[in-house]
N, C-alpha and C. Protein backbone atom coordinates (compact mmCIF):
# COMPACT_ATOMS: atom_id res chain seq x y z
N UNK A 1 108.14 55.65 109.76
CA UNK A 1 107.90 54.26 109.56
C UNK A 1 106.71 54.27 110.25
N UNK A 2 105.96 53.84 109.48
CA UNK A 2 104.48 53.17 110.04
C UNK A 2 104.32 51.82 110.49
N UNK A 3 103.91 51.91 112.15
CA UNK A 3 104.05 50.35 112.66
C UNK A 3 103.00 49.81 112.60
N UNK A 4 102.59 48.45 112.26
CA UNK A 4 101.10 48.49 113.03
C UNK A 4 100.64 48.19 114.66
N UNK A 5 99.65 48.12 114.55
CA UNK A 5 98.82 48.14 115.73
C UNK A 5 98.84 46.69 116.27
N UNK A 6 99.70 46.16 117.09
CA UNK A 6 100.04 44.77 117.34
C UNK A 6 99.56 44.96 118.35
N UNK A 7 98.86 45.31 119.40
CA UNK A 7 97.79 45.06 119.65
C UNK A 7 96.57 45.71 120.04
N UNK A 8 95.40 45.09 119.21
CA UNK A 8 94.06 45.70 118.51
C UNK A 8 93.09 45.79 119.69
N UNK A 9 92.64 47.17 119.59
CA UNK A 9 91.72 47.44 120.70
C UNK A 9 90.49 45.87 120.80
N UNK A 10 90.23 45.47 119.57
CA UNK A 10 89.09 44.01 119.81
C UNK A 10 89.98 43.41 120.51
N UNK A 11 91.31 43.09 120.74
CA UNK A 11 91.85 41.64 121.23
C UNK A 11 91.72 42.34 123.22
N UNK A 12 91.99 43.62 123.07
CA UNK A 12 92.19 44.02 124.53
C UNK A 12 90.35 43.76 125.18
N UNK A 13 89.71 44.04 124.27
CA UNK A 13 88.05 44.20 124.83
C UNK A 13 87.63 42.59 124.90
N UNK A 14 88.06 41.80 124.29
CA UNK A 14 88.24 40.10 124.32
C UNK A 14 88.44 39.71 125.27
N UNK A 15 89.86 40.43 125.81
CA UNK A 15 90.51 39.72 126.84
C UNK A 15 89.62 40.13 128.07
N UNK A 16 89.29 41.28 128.24
CA UNK A 16 88.80 42.28 129.46
C UNK A 16 87.65 41.16 129.53
N UNK A 17 86.89 41.01 128.97
CA UNK A 17 85.51 40.09 128.73
C UNK A 17 85.88 38.70 129.50
N UNK A 18 86.94 37.93 128.68
CA UNK A 18 87.25 37.21 129.19
C UNK A 18 87.69 36.83 130.88
N UNK A 19 87.86 37.73 131.35
CA UNK A 19 88.65 37.83 132.51
C UNK A 19 87.46 38.63 133.37
N UNK A 20 86.38 39.08 133.20
CA UNK A 20 85.91 39.80 133.95
C UNK A 20 85.97 40.86 134.57
N UNK A 21 86.84 41.74 133.59
CA UNK A 21 87.18 43.05 133.51
C UNK A 21 86.17 44.00 132.64
N UNK A 22 86.10 45.19 133.06
CA UNK A 22 85.31 47.01 132.02
C UNK A 22 86.50 46.42 131.42
N UNK A 23 85.90 47.13 130.30
CA UNK A 23 87.07 47.58 128.43
C UNK A 23 87.43 48.62 129.29
N UNK A 24 88.87 47.84 129.15
CA UNK A 24 89.98 49.14 129.40
C UNK A 24 90.77 49.58 128.16
N UNK A 25 90.02 49.03 127.31
CA UNK A 25 90.51 50.25 125.77
C UNK A 25 89.79 51.16 125.96
N UNK A 26 89.09 51.42 126.54
CA UNK A 26 88.29 53.00 126.83
C UNK A 26 88.91 53.82 128.23
N UNK A 27 89.97 53.12 128.71
CA UNK A 27 90.16 54.09 130.28
C UNK A 27 91.20 55.29 129.63
N UNK A 28 90.60 56.33 130.19
CA UNK A 28 91.06 57.70 129.71
C UNK A 28 91.80 58.08 131.27
N UNK A 29 91.28 57.71 132.31
CA UNK A 29 91.80 58.16 134.01
C UNK A 29 92.24 57.21 134.18
N UNK A 30 94.09 56.92 134.52
CA UNK A 30 94.67 55.38 134.91
C UNK A 30 94.19 55.00 136.46
N UNK A 31 92.87 54.53 136.63
CA UNK A 31 92.80 54.58 138.24
C UNK A 31 92.11 52.71 137.91
N UNK A 32 92.93 51.98 138.82
CA UNK A 32 92.18 50.52 138.65
C UNK A 32 92.26 50.01 139.78
N UNK A 33 90.98 49.46 139.79
CA UNK A 33 89.97 48.58 141.28
C UNK A 33 91.23 47.89 141.98
N UNK A 34 91.13 47.73 143.19
CA UNK A 34 91.50 46.89 143.80
C UNK A 34 91.17 45.02 143.37
N UNK A 35 90.24 45.44 143.10
CA UNK A 35 89.68 43.95 142.32
C UNK A 35 89.89 43.50 141.00
N UNK A 36 90.06 44.47 140.26
CA UNK A 36 91.04 44.81 139.03
C UNK A 36 92.20 44.03 139.30
N UNK A 37 92.89 44.56 139.80
CA UNK A 37 94.45 44.35 139.83
C UNK A 37 94.31 43.03 140.90
N UNK A 38 93.69 42.35 141.27
CA UNK A 38 93.74 41.12 141.93
C UNK A 38 93.33 40.13 140.88
N UNK A 39 92.38 40.31 139.92
CA UNK A 39 92.24 39.56 138.95
C UNK A 39 93.31 39.64 138.21
N UNK A 40 94.24 40.44 137.81
CA UNK A 40 95.46 40.14 136.85
C UNK A 40 96.18 39.87 137.34
N UNK A 41 96.84 40.18 138.82
CA UNK A 41 97.90 39.77 139.58
C UNK A 41 97.92 38.14 139.71
N UNK A 42 96.26 37.19 140.12
CA UNK A 42 96.22 36.29 139.75
C UNK A 42 96.58 35.10 138.49
N UNK A 43 96.31 36.08 137.26
CA UNK A 43 97.04 35.73 135.97
C UNK A 43 98.18 35.92 135.86
N UNK A 44 98.65 36.91 136.23
CA UNK A 44 100.51 36.97 135.23
C UNK A 44 101.46 36.76 136.79
N UNK A 45 101.13 36.47 137.52
CA UNK A 45 101.88 35.92 138.78
C UNK A 45 101.92 34.76 138.58
N UNK A 46 102.73 34.11 137.55
CA UNK A 46 102.89 32.49 137.45
C UNK A 46 103.91 32.05 138.20
N UNK A 47 105.05 33.28 138.72
CA UNK A 47 106.02 32.24 139.86
C UNK A 47 105.49 32.42 141.31
N UNK A 48 104.60 33.11 141.67
CA UNK A 48 104.11 33.09 143.31
C UNK A 48 105.21 34.11 143.78
N UNK A 49 105.48 34.95 142.84
CA UNK A 49 105.83 35.93 143.92
C UNK A 49 104.85 36.98 144.95
N UNK A 50 105.76 36.98 146.02
CA UNK A 50 105.37 37.64 147.10
C UNK A 50 104.56 39.19 147.21
N UNK A 51 103.81 39.40 145.79
CA UNK A 51 103.45 40.75 145.38
C UNK A 51 102.26 41.61 145.92
N UNK A 52 102.43 42.69 147.11
CA UNK A 52 101.38 43.07 147.79
C UNK A 52 100.40 43.88 146.61
N UNK A 53 99.34 43.61 146.74
CA UNK A 53 98.05 43.74 146.02
C UNK A 53 98.52 45.24 145.45
N UNK A 54 98.40 46.21 146.47
CA UNK A 54 98.13 47.77 146.40
C UNK A 54 99.39 48.08 145.75
N UNK A 55 100.60 47.62 145.88
CA UNK A 55 101.68 48.12 145.19
C UNK A 55 101.43 47.51 143.88
N UNK A 56 101.12 46.02 143.23
CA UNK A 56 100.49 45.89 142.04
C UNK A 56 99.59 46.38 141.34
N UNK A 57 98.46 46.79 141.93
CA UNK A 57 97.81 47.94 141.52
C UNK A 57 98.11 49.13 141.64
N UNK A 58 99.06 49.75 141.80
CA UNK A 58 99.77 51.19 141.74
C UNK A 58 100.77 51.14 140.72
N UNK A 59 100.88 49.79 140.48
CA UNK A 59 101.88 49.42 139.30
C UNK A 59 100.92 49.78 137.96
N UNK A 60 100.07 49.10 137.97
CA UNK A 60 99.34 49.06 136.52
C UNK A 60 98.47 50.45 136.42
N UNK A 61 98.26 51.20 137.46
CA UNK A 61 97.75 52.87 137.14
C UNK A 61 99.20 53.44 136.40
N UNK A 62 100.34 53.13 137.05
CA UNK A 62 101.75 53.56 136.89
C UNK A 62 102.02 53.18 135.04
N UNK A 63 101.39 51.75 135.11
CA UNK A 63 102.08 51.05 133.61
C UNK A 63 101.29 51.20 132.28
N UNK A 64 100.12 52.15 132.74
CA UNK A 64 99.00 52.66 131.52
C UNK A 64 99.59 53.58 130.78
N UNK A 65 100.65 53.91 130.94
CA UNK A 65 101.17 54.97 130.17
C UNK A 65 102.14 54.51 128.97
N UNK A 66 102.08 53.25 129.20
CA UNK A 66 102.36 52.55 127.79
C UNK A 66 100.97 52.46 126.99
N UNK A 67 100.09 52.79 127.49
CA UNK A 67 98.96 52.50 126.31
C UNK A 67 98.01 53.59 126.26
N UNK A 68 96.86 54.05 125.91
CA UNK A 68 95.96 54.91 125.14
C UNK A 68 96.49 56.28 125.57
N UNK A 69 97.10 56.29 126.92
CA UNK A 69 97.42 57.52 127.63
C UNK A 69 98.10 58.70 126.93
N UNK A 70 99.02 57.62 125.91
CA UNK A 70 99.93 58.77 125.38
C UNK A 70 100.26 58.07 123.65
N UNK A 71 99.22 58.61 122.93
CA UNK A 71 98.82 58.20 121.37
C UNK A 71 100.52 57.99 121.00
N UNK A 72 101.12 58.46 121.04
CA UNK A 72 102.50 58.58 120.41
C UNK A 72 103.84 56.92 121.32
N UNK A 73 103.09 56.64 122.12
CA UNK A 73 103.94 56.13 122.96
C UNK A 73 103.05 54.44 123.42
N UNK A 74 101.92 54.44 122.85
CA UNK A 74 101.17 52.94 122.71
C UNK A 74 101.80 51.90 123.03
N UNK A 75 101.77 51.19 123.17
CA UNK A 75 102.34 49.78 122.83
C UNK A 75 101.84 48.71 123.30
N UNK A 76 100.59 49.05 124.31
CA UNK A 76 99.73 47.99 125.04
C UNK A 76 98.27 48.26 124.60
N UNK A 77 97.84 49.04 124.19
CA UNK A 77 96.78 49.63 123.84
C UNK A 77 95.71 49.50 125.62
N UNK A 78 96.27 49.50 126.03
CA UNK A 78 95.50 48.97 128.07
C UNK A 78 95.00 47.72 127.69
N UNK A 79 95.96 46.98 126.91
CA UNK A 79 95.56 45.66 127.21
C UNK A 79 95.98 45.44 129.06
N UNK A 80 94.91 44.47 129.91
CA UNK A 80 95.01 44.54 131.40
C UNK A 80 96.13 43.20 131.49
N UNK A 81 96.27 42.08 130.78
CA UNK A 81 97.58 41.11 131.01
C UNK A 81 99.39 41.55 130.59
N UNK A 82 99.13 42.09 129.54
CA UNK A 82 100.56 43.02 128.99
C UNK A 82 100.87 44.03 130.04
N UNK A 83 100.08 44.82 130.40
CA UNK A 83 100.05 46.14 131.33
C UNK A 83 100.63 45.02 133.13
N UNK A 84 100.17 43.97 133.03
CA UNK A 84 100.55 43.31 134.27
C UNK A 84 101.66 42.59 134.29
N UNK A 85 101.98 42.38 133.18
CA UNK A 85 103.90 41.78 132.94
C UNK A 85 104.28 42.61 132.86
N UNK A 86 104.11 43.54 132.29
CA UNK A 86 104.92 45.03 132.69
C UNK A 86 105.20 45.07 134.56
N UNK A 87 104.54 44.86 134.90
CA UNK A 87 104.23 45.82 136.31
C UNK A 87 105.72 44.43 137.06
N UNK A 88 105.14 43.39 136.92
CA UNK A 88 106.02 41.91 137.50
C UNK A 88 107.26 42.31 137.17
N UNK A 89 107.56 42.42 135.94
CA UNK A 89 108.79 42.72 135.42
C UNK A 89 109.73 43.62 136.18
N UNK A 90 108.68 44.68 136.50
CA UNK A 90 109.16 45.60 137.31
C UNK A 90 109.94 45.57 138.49
N UNK A 91 108.60 44.87 139.26
CA UNK A 91 108.73 44.19 140.83
C UNK A 91 109.84 43.05 141.05
N UNK A 92 110.08 42.20 139.65
CA UNK A 92 111.15 41.58 140.01
C UNK A 92 112.65 41.95 139.99
N UNK A 93 112.58 43.10 139.42
CA UNK A 93 113.99 44.21 139.70
C UNK A 93 114.08 44.49 141.07
N UNK A 94 113.17 45.08 141.81
CA UNK A 94 113.40 45.29 143.24
C UNK A 94 111.85 45.56 143.57
N UNK A 95 111.38 45.32 144.69
CA UNK A 95 109.58 45.47 145.20
C UNK A 95 109.64 46.49 145.49
N UNK A 96 110.51 47.42 145.48
CA UNK A 96 110.13 48.83 145.76
C UNK A 96 110.00 49.64 143.96
N UNK A 97 110.11 49.30 143.70
CA UNK A 97 109.97 49.93 142.10
C UNK A 97 109.63 51.34 141.91
N UNK A 98 108.25 50.97 142.31
CA UNK A 98 107.24 52.21 142.47
C UNK A 98 107.62 53.14 143.09
N UNK A 99 108.30 52.88 144.15
CA UNK A 99 108.40 53.78 145.17
C UNK A 99 109.92 54.38 144.62
N UNK A 100 110.71 53.50 144.14
CA UNK A 100 111.69 54.54 143.11
C UNK A 100 111.58 55.54 142.54
N UNK A 101 110.56 54.81 141.49
CA UNK A 101 110.26 55.83 140.30
C UNK A 101 109.35 57.04 140.94
N UNK A 102 109.24 56.85 141.54
CA UNK A 102 108.01 57.95 142.43
C UNK A 102 108.72 59.11 142.81
N UNK A 103 110.03 59.28 143.41
CA UNK A 103 110.83 59.95 143.76
C UNK A 103 111.48 60.23 142.77
N UNK A 104 111.41 59.45 142.05
CA UNK A 104 112.87 60.03 141.19
C UNK A 104 112.16 60.92 139.65
N UNK A 105 110.72 60.46 139.70
CA UNK A 105 109.81 61.77 138.68
C UNK A 105 109.50 62.99 139.74
N UNK A 106 109.62 63.10 140.73
CA UNK A 106 108.63 63.81 141.83
C UNK A 106 110.90 65.02 141.32
N UNK A 107 111.51 64.21 141.40
CA UNK A 107 112.48 65.24 141.46
C UNK A 107 112.64 66.07 140.05
N UNK A 108 112.18 65.57 139.15
CA UNK A 108 112.34 65.54 137.48
C UNK A 108 111.45 67.01 137.35
N UNK A 109 110.81 66.67 138.28
CA UNK A 109 109.51 67.96 138.12
C UNK A 109 110.15 69.08 139.11
N UNK A 110 110.43 68.67 140.07
CA UNK A 110 111.08 69.55 141.29
C UNK A 110 112.30 70.63 139.95
N UNK A 111 113.34 69.71 139.78
CA UNK A 111 114.27 70.52 138.68
C UNK A 111 113.36 71.46 137.74
N UNK A 112 112.05 71.00 136.78
CA UNK A 112 111.56 72.01 136.16
C UNK A 112 111.05 73.20 136.73
N UNK A 113 110.69 73.09 138.26
CA UNK A 113 109.79 74.11 138.48
C UNK A 113 110.94 75.05 139.12
N UNK A 114 112.55 74.28 139.75
CA UNK A 114 113.80 75.46 139.78
C UNK A 114 113.85 75.94 138.59
N UNK A 115 113.95 75.73 137.85
CA UNK A 115 114.40 76.54 136.27
C UNK A 115 113.37 77.61 136.12
N UNK A 116 112.43 76.97 135.99
CA UNK A 116 110.92 77.83 136.03
C UNK A 116 110.71 79.03 137.31
N UNK A 117 111.85 78.82 138.51
CA UNK A 117 111.98 80.07 139.25
C UNK A 117 110.89 80.51 139.51
N UNK A 118 109.95 79.40 139.78
CA UNK A 118 108.66 79.50 140.51
C UNK A 118 107.91 79.09 141.87
N UNK A 119 108.64 79.27 142.95
CA UNK A 119 108.70 79.48 144.11
C UNK A 119 107.23 78.49 145.13
N UNK A 120 106.39 78.75 144.55
CA UNK A 120 104.76 78.30 144.61
C UNK A 120 105.19 76.32 144.23
N UNK A 121 105.50 76.90 143.49
CA UNK A 121 105.98 75.34 142.52
C UNK A 121 106.72 74.44 143.05
N UNK A 122 108.33 75.28 143.34
CA UNK A 122 109.19 74.86 143.93
C UNK A 122 108.98 74.06 145.37
N UNK A 123 107.77 74.89 146.35
CA UNK A 123 107.64 74.48 148.05
C UNK A 123 106.92 73.06 147.23
N UNK A 124 105.97 73.39 146.97
CA UNK A 124 104.95 71.79 146.46
C UNK A 124 105.73 71.24 146.20
N UNK A 125 106.74 71.24 145.30
CA UNK A 125 107.54 69.67 144.62
C UNK A 125 108.64 68.87 145.58
N UNK A 126 109.44 69.98 146.35
CA UNK A 126 109.74 69.42 147.62
C UNK A 126 108.93 69.17 148.32
N UNK A 127 107.82 69.17 148.61
CA UNK A 127 106.94 68.47 149.83
C UNK A 127 107.01 67.12 149.97
N UNK A 128 106.54 66.99 147.96
CA UNK A 128 105.68 66.19 147.45
C UNK A 128 107.12 65.20 147.69
N UNK A 129 108.05 65.68 147.51
CA UNK A 129 109.30 64.75 147.49
C UNK A 129 109.78 64.27 148.71
N UNK A 130 109.89 64.78 149.75
CA UNK A 130 110.07 64.38 151.10
C UNK A 130 108.96 63.63 151.75
N UNK A 131 107.81 63.48 151.03
CA UNK A 131 106.80 62.51 151.46
C UNK A 131 107.10 61.30 150.32
N UNK A 132 107.67 61.68 149.29
CA UNK A 132 108.08 60.12 148.25
C UNK A 132 109.27 59.25 149.16
N UNK A 133 110.17 60.23 149.45
CA UNK A 133 111.25 59.51 150.15
C UNK A 133 110.99 59.10 151.04
N UNK A 134 109.78 59.85 152.19
CA UNK A 134 109.89 58.74 153.25
C UNK A 134 109.29 57.32 153.03
N UNK A 135 108.12 57.75 152.21
CA UNK A 135 107.51 56.20 151.96
C UNK A 135 108.59 55.42 151.42
N UNK A 136 109.74 55.90 150.58
CA UNK A 136 110.78 54.87 149.71
C UNK A 136 111.57 54.40 151.07
N UNK A 137 111.68 55.09 152.15
CA UNK A 137 113.06 54.99 153.14
C UNK A 137 112.17 53.91 153.99
N UNK A 138 111.06 53.70 154.26
CA UNK A 138 110.41 53.16 155.01
C UNK A 138 110.33 51.72 154.10
N UNK A 139 110.02 51.91 153.20
CA UNK A 139 110.04 50.78 152.18
C UNK A 139 111.13 49.27 152.51
N UNK A 140 112.69 50.33 152.34
CA UNK A 140 113.75 49.95 152.58
C UNK A 140 114.42 49.12 153.56
N UNK A 141 113.61 50.09 154.98
CA UNK A 141 113.59 49.61 156.25
C UNK A 141 113.25 48.31 156.59
N UNK A 142 111.61 47.93 155.91
CA UNK A 142 110.96 47.09 156.12
C UNK A 142 111.97 45.68 155.41
N UNK A 143 112.61 46.21 154.11
CA UNK A 143 113.18 44.84 153.34
C UNK A 143 114.41 44.45 154.01
N UNK A 144 114.63 45.48 155.22
CA UNK A 144 116.40 45.32 156.22
C UNK A 144 116.19 44.09 157.47
N UNK A 145 114.19 44.37 157.37
CA UNK A 145 114.40 43.81 158.90
C UNK A 145 114.68 42.13 158.85
């Protein structure tokens, strides 16, 4: 079944121009500036959640995977407001959503490395996992203060 293009490239271009962003339909590297994140956060944070800008910015970079990064999984065409809404939805679940996601993704990468029996990759992924777990643990500890 062929699905229609629900969010057109022209719509993404229009919104980006209207809110003063670069053309997100042309993003190939999922890199978002603090200024862009701040602009989007001011639009999508309609309930005034206490969302740290850096957490939101990183979330935008992660959620661009729902855009043009993977053609077969593109649902947003990198629409900045829809991408921002995805981030807010996840942060409503838990403010350390992206720290938890990072740990889970590295655990998956570590398993692949173990299955490939590549000791160098196993060591590299394990070090990344330790760092990600440390970041998550700090986030949890900060929330419990």
